[in-house]
Structure formats: C-alpha cells, structure tokens
C-alpha cells in the first residue's frame, strides 16, 4: 500500500492503535506501521493500547520493534479500557506510559492451556494410534492426560517465559526483579495502582497522551494532529485476532472456540478471566 505522505506529515504525531488479542495479524500491521514511521521520519509515536494481551512471540516482536524505534523518536503509550499481560509487555517498548485511572492492567504472567478430549473420545469410541520419535513428541495431545514428567517440562517452559516478562518490565521501568515479582503474580490492577507500583508514569486520557507526545517532540499540543495507521476493529473483534465483522457467529460461540483451539498449547501473555 502506498501512503499519500507529504512533507507536512513529518510535523504530525504518528498513531498506532493496538486493539484485541495480540496475534499474527496484529503483529504484522504494527511492524509495517513502525517501519513506515521510521522511513517517513515522524517525530513521535502515540501508541494506543486496548488489549488483553496475546501470544508471546508476537508480543516480543512488537516490543523489540518499539524499543528500537524509541532510540530515534519518543514513543508514548496510552492505555484504554484494558492493557493487560502482553499489552503491558509491548508498552515496555515505549518511552512513557499513560493510563486512565480505571484502566484494567497488570496480569503479568504466562498461561498455557491444552484441550483434553479423552473422556469424550472414549464415549464415542474413538482412539488414536501414535508412533513418535520420543516420549514427549506429542506433549499436550488432546486425546490423553499429561504425565507428571510432561507437566514438569511445561512448567519449566512457563517459568522461563515468565522470567523473560519480569526481566523486561524491571529493565524498562528501572525496578528490581524482586520488586516486579511482588506484583507480577497474575493479578490485575487499575491505572491508579499501576502508577503507585511504578509501571505507569501518569494518569490521563488519550487526548492528554497526545498533548504529552506533542510536547516531547517540540510540537504545538494545541494544533498538532495525529496520523493513524491501521483500521479500528469492532467491539467484539477486540477479543479475537484477525477478525472483522463477526455478526451472529460470536453469539453461537464458534469464533471464540476457534480462537481457543488456535492457541491451544501456546504460551500466552494474556488476561483470560
């Protein structure tokens, strides 16, 4: 896609909106936007986050790109209704963070879920014959329960991912690892509490964040507009990656089931009540 840029756009605030679950489509859209922002030399980025988090790898790639970008320009993150787990992680790539007092944030941690259909398969008389190269090749298979050694393997994986999350927050917010671990137990908290904990800088609306971004870039906060990349998603699509208009499919639960199945066995940095 060719963007209709003009020199005056370099005096605008670049804006990226991250809504819904962070997954492959979101990652691509954000990374493409960041690349364009660098090429066109926007002076500052306003990153609007309204997300419960998502997949670990996609969150890490967005964070890495933002961290690299903030070496060149200021990046201000603004939290909407929710910025939890992976939403917090990508915000660690920003120079400054602002949240509403009632924003739901936190949920720092990792979750991995598998689907065990063993009892259902037994009832309908379905079984599988598995030939594998090693005892753990079919770990988290849906037709049987986890063994104790498999649980240990997966717990070690989760612990490693959790440590990566904690270390990133500690470095980004100039906190000790021990301090971060004191509240990084999966709990959620408000924007006001996040300021008290040191993982959010200020309280305010997105408009406040826009003005702050303009001031940091030496632009007029009264007149400087935003240039937004990407399309805004519908309300329901915020809970599902890569979806547009869901219509009645969501009411039937088919799209949510698809999301559950597509992320089964994947470590997630995601708030899942």
C-alpha atoms as a PDB file:
ATOM      1  CA  UNK A   1       0.000   0.000   0.000  1.00  0.00           C
ATOM      2  CA  UNK A   2       1.348   3.434  -0.949  1.00  0.00           C
ATOM      3  CA  UNK A   3       0.832   6.062   1.732  1.00  0.00           C
ATOM      4  CA  UNK A   4      -0.033   9.588   0.497  1.00  0.00           C
ATOM      5  CA  UNK A   5       2.695  11.303   2.508  1.00  0.00           C
ATOM      6  CA  UNK A   6       3.529  14.955   2.220  1.00  0.00           C
ATOM      7  CA  UNK A   7       6.346  16.843   3.984  1.00  0.00           C
ATOM      8  CA  UNK A   8       3.861  18.359   6.460  1.00  0.00           C
ATOM      9  CA  UNK A   9       3.114  14.890   7.836  1.00  0.00           C
ATOM     10  CA  UNK A  10       6.532  14.980   9.482  1.00  0.00           C
ATOM     11  CA  UNK A  11       5.027  17.587  11.783  1.00  0.00           C
ATOM     12  CA  UNK A  12       2.256  15.200  12.823  1.00  0.00           C
ATOM     13  CA  UNK A  13       2.085  12.601  15.553  1.00  0.00           C
ATOM     14  CA  UNK A  14       2.138   9.046  14.247  1.00  0.00           C
ATOM     15  CA  UNK A  15      -0.547   6.953  15.936  1.00  0.00           C
ATOM     16  CA  UNK A  16      -0.890   3.172  16.103  1.00  0.00           C
ATOM     17  CA  UNK A  17      -3.884   1.534  17.722  1.00  0.00           C
ATOM     18  CA  UNK A  18      -3.428  -1.971  19.111  1.00  0.00           C
ATOM     19  CA  UNK A  19      -6.822  -3.487  19.877  1.00  0.00           C
ATOM     20  CA  UNK A  20      -7.859  -7.034  20.616  1.00  0.00           C
ATOM     21  CA  UNK A  21      -5.742 -10.106  21.107  1.00  0.00           C
ATOM     22  CA  UNK A  22      -2.135  -9.680  20.004  1.00  0.00           C
ATOM     23  CA  UNK A  23      -1.504 -12.312  17.341  1.00  0.00           C
ATOM     24  CA  UNK A  24      -0.024 -12.664  13.871  1.00  0.00           C
ATOM     25  CA  UNK A  25      -2.238 -10.155  12.034  1.00  0.00           C
ATOM     26  CA  UNK A  26      -1.763  -7.514  14.729  1.00  0.00           C
ATOM     27  CA  UNK A  27       1.996  -8.055  14.764  1.00  0.00           C
ATOM     28  CA  UNK A  28       2.280  -7.592  11.000  1.00  0.00           C
ATOM     29  CA  UNK A  29       0.159  -4.449  10.990  1.00  0.00           C
ATOM     30  CA  UNK A  30       2.129  -2.857  13.828  1.00  0.00           C
ATOM     31  CA  UNK A  31       5.547  -3.788  12.432  1.00  0.00           C
ATOM     32  CA  UNK A  32       4.622  -2.435   8.986  1.00  0.00           C
ATOM     33  CA  UNK A  33       3.458   0.818  10.564  1.00  0.00           C
ATOM     34  CA  UNK A  34       6.639   1.175  12.620  1.00  0.00           C
ATOM     35  CA  UNK A  35       8.752   0.672   9.509  1.00  0.00           C
ATOM     36  CA  UNK A  36       6.852   3.430   7.705  1.00  0.00           C
ATOM     37  CA  UNK A  37       7.149   5.763  10.701  1.00  0.00           C
ATOM     38  CA  UNK A  38      10.921   5.325  10.621  1.00  0.00           C
ATOM     39  CA  UNK A  39      11.126   5.836   6.854  1.00  0.00           C
ATOM     40  CA  UNK A  40       8.960   8.954   6.852  1.00  0.00           C
ATOM     41  CA  UNK A  41      10.686  10.392   9.928  1.00  0.00           C
ATOM     42  CA  UNK A  42       7.674  11.102  12.083  1.00  0.00           C
ATOM     43  CA  UNK A  43       8.863  12.969  15.200  1.00  0.00           C
ATOM     44  CA  UNK A  44       6.870  10.985  17.781  1.00  0.00           C
ATOM     45  CA  UNK A  45       4.577   7.960  18.108  1.00  0.00           C
ATOM     46  CA  UNK A  46       1.381   7.689  20.138  1.00  0.00           C
ATOM     47  CA  UNK A  47       0.713   4.003  20.810  1.00  0.00           C
ATOM     48  CA  UNK A  48      -2.881   3.425  21.875  1.00  0.00           C
ATOM     49  CA  UNK A  49      -3.337   0.019  23.547  1.00  0.00           C
ATOM     50  CA  UNK A  50      -6.692  -1.600  24.288  1.00  0.00           C
ATOM     51  CA  UNK A  51      -5.745  -5.261  24.518  1.00  0.00           C
ATOM     52  CA  UNK A  52      -5.891  -8.182  26.962  1.00  0.00           C
ATOM     53  CA  UNK A  53      -2.574  -9.451  25.565  1.00  0.00           C
ATOM     54  CA  UNK A  54      -1.912 -12.408  23.315  1.00  0.00           C
ATOM     55  CA  UNK A  55       0.769 -14.745  22.050  1.00  0.00           C
ATOM     56  CA  UNK A  56       4.270 -14.487  23.499  1.00  0.00           C
ATOM     57  CA  UNK A  57       6.269 -14.409  20.270  1.00  0.00           C
ATOM     58  CA  UNK A  58       4.107 -11.755  18.615  1.00  0.00           C
ATOM     59  CA  UNK A  59       4.234  -9.560  21.743  1.00  0.00           C
ATOM     60  CA  UNK A  60       8.017  -9.876  21.868  1.00  0.00           C
ATOM     61  CA  UNK A  61       8.438  -8.867  18.235  1.00  0.00           C
ATOM     62  CA  UNK A  62       6.296  -5.752  18.675  1.00  0.00           C
ATOM     63  CA  UNK A  63       8.163  -4.836  21.866  1.00  0.00           C
ATOM     64  CA  UNK A  64      11.543  -5.243  20.146  1.00  0.00           C
ATOM     65  CA  UNK A  65      10.489  -3.014  17.244  1.00  0.00           C
ATOM     66  CA  UNK A  66       9.189  -0.324  19.604  1.00  0.00           C
ATOM     67  CA  UNK A  67      12.338  -0.461  21.718  1.00  0.00           C
ATOM     68  CA  UNK A  68      14.430   0.078  18.597  1.00  0.00           C
ATOM     69  CA  UNK A  69      12.149   2.903  17.426  1.00  0.00           C
ATOM     70  CA  UNK A  70      12.409   4.818  20.709  1.00  0.00           C
ATOM     71  CA  UNK A  71      16.167   5.101  20.160  1.00  0.00           C
ATOM     72  CA  UNK A  72      15.269   7.543  17.372  1.00  0.00           C
ATOM     73  CA  UNK A  73      11.991   9.158  18.455  1.00  0.00           C
ATOM     74  CA  UNK A  74       9.801   9.426  21.526  1.00  0.00           C
ATOM     75  CA  UNK A  75       7.113   6.775  21.972  1.00  0.00           C
ATOM     76  CA  UNK A  76       4.161   7.473  24.285  1.00  0.00           C
ATOM     77  CA  UNK A  77       1.861   4.570  25.188  1.00  0.00           C
ATOM     78  CA  UNK A  78      -1.738   5.323  26.146  1.00  0.00           C
ATOM     79  CA  UNK A  79      -3.840   2.630  27.848  1.00  0.00           C
ATOM     80  CA  UNK A  80      -7.554   2.391  27.051  1.00  0.00           C
ATOM     81  CA  UNK A  81     -10.090   0.214  28.847  1.00  0.00           C
ATOM     82  CA  UNK A  82      -7.613  -2.618  29.211  1.00  0.00           C
ATOM     83  CA  UNK A  83      -3.908  -3.122  28.687  1.00  0.00           C
ATOM     84  CA  UNK A  84      -3.021  -6.365  30.363  1.00  0.00           C
ATOM     85  CA  UNK A  85      -0.338  -9.035  30.117  1.00  0.00           C
ATOM     86  CA  UNK A  86       1.013  -8.839  26.546  1.00  0.00           C
ATOM     87  CA  UNK A  87      -0.449  -5.334  26.337  1.00  0.00           C
ATOM     88  CA  UNK A  88       1.794  -4.381  29.252  1.00  0.00           C
ATOM     89  CA  UNK A  89       4.741  -6.119  27.622  1.00  0.00           C
ATOM     90  CA  UNK A  90       4.588  -4.175  24.354  1.00  0.00           C
ATOM     91  CA  UNK A  91       4.169  -0.930  26.320  1.00  0.00           C
ATOM     92  CA  UNK A  92       7.570  -1.581  27.889  1.00  0.00           C
ATOM     93  CA  UNK A  93       8.983  -0.599  24.493  1.00  0.00           C
ATOM     94  CA  UNK A  94       7.609   2.938  24.947  1.00  0.00           C
ATOM     95  CA  UNK A  95       9.459   5.943  26.372  1.00  0.00           C
ATOM     96  CA  UNK A  96       6.492   6.967  28.541  1.00  0.00           C
ATOM     97  CA  UNK A  97       3.192   5.374  29.608  1.00  0.00           C
ATOM     98  CA  UNK A  98      -0.147   6.992  30.459  1.00  0.00           C
ATOM     99  CA  UNK A  99      -3.296   5.227  31.661  1.00  0.00           C
ATOM    100  CA  UNK A 100      -6.788   6.146  32.717  1.00  0.00           C
ATOM    101  CA  UNK A 101      -7.329   5.839  36.494  1.00  0.00           C
ATOM    102  CA  UNK A 102      -9.721   2.942  35.917  1.00  0.00           C
ATOM    103  CA  UNK A 103      -7.802   1.153  33.167  1.00  0.00           C
ATOM    104  CA  UNK A 104      -7.520  -2.584  33.826  1.00  0.00           C
ATOM    105  CA  UNK A 105      -3.860  -3.510  33.566  1.00  0.00           C
ATOM    106  CA  UNK A 106      -1.376  -5.913  35.100  1.00  0.00           C
ATOM    107  CA  UNK A 107      -1.956  -9.666  34.688  1.00  0.00           C
ATOM    108  CA  UNK A 108       1.804 -10.062  34.326  1.00  0.00           C
ATOM    109  CA  UNK A 109       2.418 -13.739  33.808  1.00  0.00           C
ATOM    110  CA  UNK A 110       2.072 -16.679  31.449  1.00  0.00           C
ATOM    111  CA  UNK A 111      -0.705 -19.154  30.791  1.00  0.00           C
ATOM    112  CA  UNK A 112      -0.714 -22.297  28.668  1.00  0.00           C
ATOM    113  CA  UNK A 113      -3.850 -24.319  28.083  1.00  0.00           C
ATOM    114  CA  UNK A 114      -4.426 -27.600  26.312  1.00  0.00           C
ATOM    115  CA  UNK A 115      -7.639 -29.339  25.312  1.00  0.00           C
ATOM    116  CA  UNK A 116      -8.176 -32.794  26.834  1.00  0.00           C
ATOM    117  CA  UNK A 117     -10.948 -34.635  24.986  1.00  0.00           C
ATOM    118  CA  UNK A 118     -10.052 -38.074  26.276  1.00  0.00           C
ATOM    119  CA  UNK A 119     -13.362 -38.759  28.053  1.00  0.00           C
ATOM    120  CA  UNK A 120     -15.415 -37.520  25.102  1.00  0.00           C
ATOM    121  CA  UNK A 121     -13.457 -39.685  22.672  1.00  0.00           C
ATOM    122  CA  UNK A 122     -13.938 -42.714  24.917  1.00  0.00           C
ATOM    123  CA  UNK A 123     -17.695 -42.186  24.901  1.00  0.00           C
ATOM    124  CA  UNK A 124     -17.920 -42.123  21.123  1.00  0.00           C
ATOM    125  CA  UNK A 125     -15.432 -44.947  20.676  1.00  0.00           C
ATOM    126  CA  UNK A 126     -12.595 -43.052  19.022  1.00  0.00           C
ATOM    127  CA  UNK A 127      -8.943 -43.765  19.773  1.00  0.00           C
ATOM    128  CA  UNK A 128      -5.623 -42.953  18.141  1.00  0.00           C
ATOM    129  CA  UNK A 129      -2.509 -44.953  17.421  1.00  0.00           C
ATOM    130  CA  UNK A 130       0.568 -42.781  17.796  1.00  0.00           C
ATOM    131  CA  UNK A 131       4.067 -43.539  16.528  1.00  0.00           C
ATOM    132  CA  UNK A 132       6.573 -40.992  17.824  1.00  0.00           C
ATOM    133  CA  UNK A 133      10.316 -40.441  17.884  1.00  0.00           C
ATOM    134  CA  UNK A 134      10.475 -39.576  21.569  1.00  0.00           C
ATOM    135  CA  UNK A 135       8.322 -39.779  24.702  1.00  0.00           C
ATOM    136  CA  UNK A 136       7.414 -36.075  24.623  1.00  0.00           C
ATOM    137  CA  UNK A 137       6.787 -35.590  20.906  1.00  0.00           C
ATOM    138  CA  UNK A 138       3.012 -35.489  21.415  1.00  0.00           C
ATOM    139  CA  UNK A 139       3.067 -33.411  24.589  1.00  0.00           C
ATOM    140  CA  UNK A 140      -0.324 -31.732  25.159  1.00  0.00           C
ATOM    141  CA  UNK A 141      -2.039 -34.214  22.826  1.00  0.00           C
ATOM    142  CA  UNK A 142      -5.796 -33.694  23.103  1.00  0.00           C
ATOM    143  CA  UNK A 143      -6.630 -37.408  23.453  1.00  0.00           C
ATOM    144  CA  UNK A 144      -4.885 -38.066  26.773  1.00  0.00           C
ATOM    145  CA  UNK A 145      -3.914 -36.505  30.067  1.00  0.00           C
ATOM    146  CA  UNK A 146      -0.499 -35.038  30.757  1.00  0.00           C
ATOM    147  CA  UNK A 147       2.021 -37.228  32.506  1.00  0.00           C
ATOM    148  CA  UNK A 148       3.892 -35.888  35.514  1.00  0.00           C
ATOM    149  CA  UNK A 149       7.199 -35.509  33.598  1.00  0.00           C
ATOM    150  CA  UNK A 150       5.334 -33.605  30.883  1.00  0.00           C
ATOM    151  CA  UNK A 151       3.873 -31.243  33.469  1.00  0.00           C
ATOM    152  CA  UNK A 152       7.403 -30.575  34.748  1.00  0.00           C
ATOM    153  CA  UNK A 153       8.619 -29.798  31.213  1.00  0.00           C
ATOM    154  CA  UNK A 154       5.775 -27.382  30.556  1.00  0.00           C
ATOM    155  CA  UNK A 155       6.175 -25.718  33.944  1.00  0.00           C
ATOM    156  CA  UNK A 156       9.850 -25.086  33.149  1.00  0.00           C
ATOM    157  CA  UNK A 157       8.783 -23.531  29.838  1.00  0.00           C
ATOM    158  CA  UNK A 158       6.269 -21.287  31.599  1.00  0.00           C
ATOM    159  CA  UNK A 159       8.845 -20.298  34.228  1.00  0.00           C
ATOM    160  CA  UNK A 160      11.320 -19.294  31.532  1.00  0.00           C
ATOM    161  CA  UNK A 161       8.731 -17.187  29.701  1.00  0.00           C
ATOM    162  CA  UNK A 162       7.662 -15.584  32.983  1.00  0.00           C
ATOM    163  CA  UNK A 163      11.249 -14.681  33.822  1.00  0.00           C
ATOM    164  CA  UNK A 164      11.620 -13.002  30.420  1.00  0.00           C
ATOM    165  CA  UNK A 165       8.495 -10.940  31.112  1.00  0.00           C
ATOM    166  CA  UNK A 166       9.616  -9.910  34.603  1.00  0.00           C
ATOM    167  CA  UNK A 167      13.125  -9.019  33.437  1.00  0.00           C
ATOM    168  CA  UNK A 168      11.779  -6.828  30.639  1.00  0.00           C
ATOM    169  CA  UNK A 169       9.454  -4.928  32.994  1.00  0.00           C
ATOM    170  CA  UNK A 170      12.242  -4.476  35.550  1.00  0.00           C
ATOM    171  CA  UNK A 171      14.653  -3.068  32.959  1.00  0.00           C
ATOM    172  CA  UNK A 172      12.089  -0.840  31.233  1.00  0.00           C
ATOM    173  CA  UNK A 173      10.749   0.662  34.452  1.00  0.00           C
ATOM    174  CA  UNK A 174      14.048   0.799  36.353  1.00  0.00           C
ATOM    175  CA  UNK A 175      12.784  -1.570  39.037  1.00  0.00           C
ATOM    176  CA  UNK A 176      14.406  -4.567  40.677  1.00  0.00           C
ATOM    177  CA  UNK A 177      13.333  -8.037  39.613  1.00  0.00           C
ATOM    178  CA  UNK A 178      12.231  -8.709  43.194  1.00  0.00           C
ATOM    179  CA  UNK A 179      10.005  -5.634  43.160  1.00  0.00           C
ATOM    180  CA  UNK A 180       8.349  -6.681  39.910  1.00  0.00           C
ATOM    181  CA  UNK A 181       7.801 -10.219  41.173  1.00  0.00           C
ATOM    182  CA  UNK A 182       5.991  -8.819  44.220  1.00  0.00           C
ATOM    183  CA  UNK A 183       3.050  -7.818  41.984  1.00  0.00           C
ATOM    184  CA  UNK A 184       3.690  -9.989  38.898  1.00  0.00           C
ATOM    185  CA  UNK A 185       1.630 -12.917  40.107  1.00  0.00           C
ATOM    186  CA  UNK A 186      -1.142 -12.646  37.520  1.00  0.00           C
ATOM    187  CA  UNK A 187      -3.214 -10.122  39.458  1.00  0.00           C
ATOM    188  CA  UNK A 188      -4.891  -7.228  37.684  1.00  0.00           C
ATOM    189  CA  UNK A 189      -4.919  -3.653  38.956  1.00  0.00           C
ATOM    190  CA  UNK A 190      -6.148  -0.214  37.957  1.00  0.00           C
ATOM    191  CA  UNK A 191      -4.243   2.514  36.223  1.00  0.00           C
ATOM    192  CA  UNK A 192      -4.041   4.379  39.517  1.00  0.00           C
ATOM    193  CA  UNK A 193      -2.494   1.345  41.208  1.00  0.00           C
ATOM    194  CA  UNK A 194      -0.103   0.923  38.281  1.00  0.00           C
ATOM    195  CA  UNK A 195       1.203   4.455  38.835  1.00  0.00           C
ATOM    196  CA  UNK A 196       1.763   3.643  42.504  1.00  0.00           C
ATOM    197  CA  UNK A 197       3.645   0.487  41.508  1.00  0.00           C
ATOM    198  CA  UNK A 198       5.862   2.394  39.088  1.00  0.00           C
ATOM    199  CA  UNK A 199       4.818   0.749  35.819  1.00  0.00           C
ATOM    200  CA  UNK A 200       2.773   3.700  34.545  1.00  0.00           C
ATOM    201  CA  UNK A 201       4.081   7.287  34.527  1.00  0.00           C
ATOM    202  CA  UNK A 202       0.944   9.409  34.513  1.00  0.00           C
ATOM    203  CA  UNK A 203      -2.831   9.270  34.602  1.00  0.00           C
ATOM    204  CA  UNK A 204      -4.804  10.770  31.759  1.00  0.00           C
ATOM    205  CA  UNK A 205      -6.912  10.288  28.664  1.00  0.00           C
ATOM    206  CA  UNK A 206      -5.692   9.595  25.158  1.00  0.00           C
ATOM    207  CA  UNK A 207      -6.040  13.309  24.466  1.00  0.00           C
ATOM    208  CA  UNK A 208      -3.720  14.001  27.392  1.00  0.00           C
ATOM    209  CA  UNK A 209      -1.285  11.474  25.940  1.00  0.00           C
ATOM    210  CA  UNK A 210      -1.485  13.173  22.531  1.00  0.00           C
ATOM    211  CA  UNK A 211      -0.652  16.536  24.066  1.00  0.00           C
ATOM    212  CA  UNK A 212       2.206  14.972  26.008  1.00  0.00           C
ATOM    213  CA  UNK A 213       3.568  13.377  22.828  1.00  0.00           C
ATOM    214  CA  UNK A 214       3.432  16.732  21.031  1.00  0.00           C
ATOM    215  CA  UNK A 215       5.300  18.474  23.853  1.00  0.00           C
ATOM    216  CA  UNK A 216       8.003  15.802  23.893  1.00  0.00           C
ATOM    217  CA  UNK A 217       8.536  16.287  20.162  1.00  0.00           C
ATOM    218  CA  UNK A 218       8.607  20.073  20.431  1.00  0.00           C
ATOM    219  CA  UNK A 219       5.303  20.416  18.576  1.00  0.00           C
ATOM    220  CA  UNK A 220       2.291  22.592  19.364  1.00  0.00           C
ATOM    221  CA  UNK A 221      -0.015  20.489  21.606  1.00  0.00           C
ATOM    222  CA  UNK A 222      -2.992  22.643  20.596  1.00  0.00           C
ATOM    223  CA  UNK A 223      -2.659  22.200  16.851  1.00  0.00           C
ATOM    224  CA  UNK A 224      -0.659  19.038  16.141  1.00  0.00           C
ATOM    225  CA  UNK A 225      -2.892  16.254  14.745  1.00  0.00           C
ATOM    226  CA  UNK A 226      -2.340  12.515  14.637  1.00  0.00           C
ATOM    227  CA  UNK A 227      -1.828  10.339  11.585  1.00  0.00           C
ATOM    228  CA  UNK A 228      -3.353   6.963  12.418  1.00  0.00           C
ATOM    229  CA  UNK A 229      -2.086   3.717  10.920  1.00  0.00           C
ATOM    230  CA  UNK A 230      -4.339   0.704  10.543  1.00  0.00           C
ATOM    231  CA  UNK A 231      -8.050   0.150  10.894  1.00  0.00           C
ATOM    232  CA  UNK A 232     -10.073   0.290  14.070  1.00  0.00           C
ATOM    233  CA  UNK A 233     -11.695  -3.011  14.993  1.00  0.00           C
ATOM    234  CA  UNK A 234     -15.272  -3.634  16.083  1.00  0.00           C
ATOM    235  CA  UNK A 235     -16.020  -4.150  19.771  1.00  0.00           C
ATOM    236  CA  UNK A 236     -16.351  -7.935  19.592  1.00  0.00           C
ATOM    237  CA  UNK A 237     -13.366  -8.402  17.303  1.00  0.00           C
ATOM    238  CA  UNK A 238     -11.173  -6.964  20.083  1.00  0.00           C
ATOM    239  CA  UNK A 239     -11.292 -10.374  21.715  1.00  0.00           C
ATOM    240  CA  UNK A 240     -10.341 -12.301  18.587  1.00  0.00           C
ATOM    241  CA  UNK A 241      -7.218 -11.960  16.426  1.00  0.00           C
ATOM    242  CA  UNK A 242      -7.579 -11.298  12.721  1.00  0.00           C
ATOM    243  CA  UNK A 243     -11.365 -10.834  12.681  1.00  0.00           C
ATOM    244  CA  UNK A 244     -13.592  -8.239  11.110  1.00  0.00           C
ATOM    245  CA  UNK A 245     -17.378  -8.129  11.428  1.00  0.00           C
ATOM    246  CA  UNK A 246     -18.408 -11.181  13.423  1.00  0.00           C
ATOM    247  CA  UNK A 247     -22.181 -10.857  13.259  1.00  0.00           C
ATOM    248  CA  UNK A 248     -24.117 -13.670  14.865  1.00  0.00           C
ATOM    249  CA  UNK A 249     -21.212 -16.141  14.714  1.00  0.00           C
ATOM    250  CA  UNK A 250     -19.861 -14.858  18.003  1.00  0.00           C
ATOM    251  CA  UNK A 251     -23.205 -15.414  19.726  1.00  0.00           C
ATOM    252  CA  UNK A 252     -23.028 -19.047  18.672  1.00  0.00           C
ATOM    253  CA  UNK A 253     -19.572 -19.293  20.177  1.00  0.00           C
ATOM    254  CA  UNK A 254     -17.901 -20.582  17.025  1.00  0.00           C
ATOM    255  CA  UNK A 255     -15.333 -17.829  16.743  1.00  0.00           C
ATOM    256  CA  UNK A 256     -14.368 -17.995  20.393  1.00  0.00           C
ATOM    257  CA  UNK A 257     -13.976 -21.760  20.073  1.00  0.00           C
ATOM    258  CA  UNK A 258     -11.785 -21.226  17.013  1.00  0.00           C
ATOM    259  CA  UNK A 259      -9.604 -18.838  18.996  1.00  0.00           C
ATOM    260  CA  UNK A 260      -9.319 -21.320  21.871  1.00  0.00           C
ATOM    261  CA  UNK A 261      -8.329 -24.122  19.512  1.00  0.00           C
ATOM    262  CA  UNK A 262      -5.874 -21.997  17.534  1.00  0.00           C
ATOM    263  CA  UNK A 263      -3.964 -21.024  20.699  1.00  0.00           C
ATOM    264  CA  UNK A 264      -4.169 -24.399  22.417  1.00  0.00           C
ATOM    265  CA  UNK A 265      -0.681 -25.397  23.500  1.00  0.00           C
ATOM    266  CA  UNK A 266       0.765 -21.908  23.030  1.00  0.00           C
ATOM    267  CA  UNK A 267       2.188 -19.930  25.943  1.00  0.00           C
ATOM    268  CA  UNK A 268       0.140 -16.728  26.231  1.00  0.00           C
ATOM    269  CA  UNK A 269       0.774 -13.390  27.843  1.00  0.00           C
ATOM    270  CA  UNK A 270      -2.932 -12.772  28.106  1.00  0.00           C
ATOM    271  CA  UNK A 271      -5.577 -11.826  30.662  1.00  0.00           C
ATOM    272  CA  UNK A 272      -8.205 -14.560  30.476  1.00  0.00           C
ATOM    273  CA  UNK A 273     -10.908 -14.180  33.178  1.00  0.00           C
END
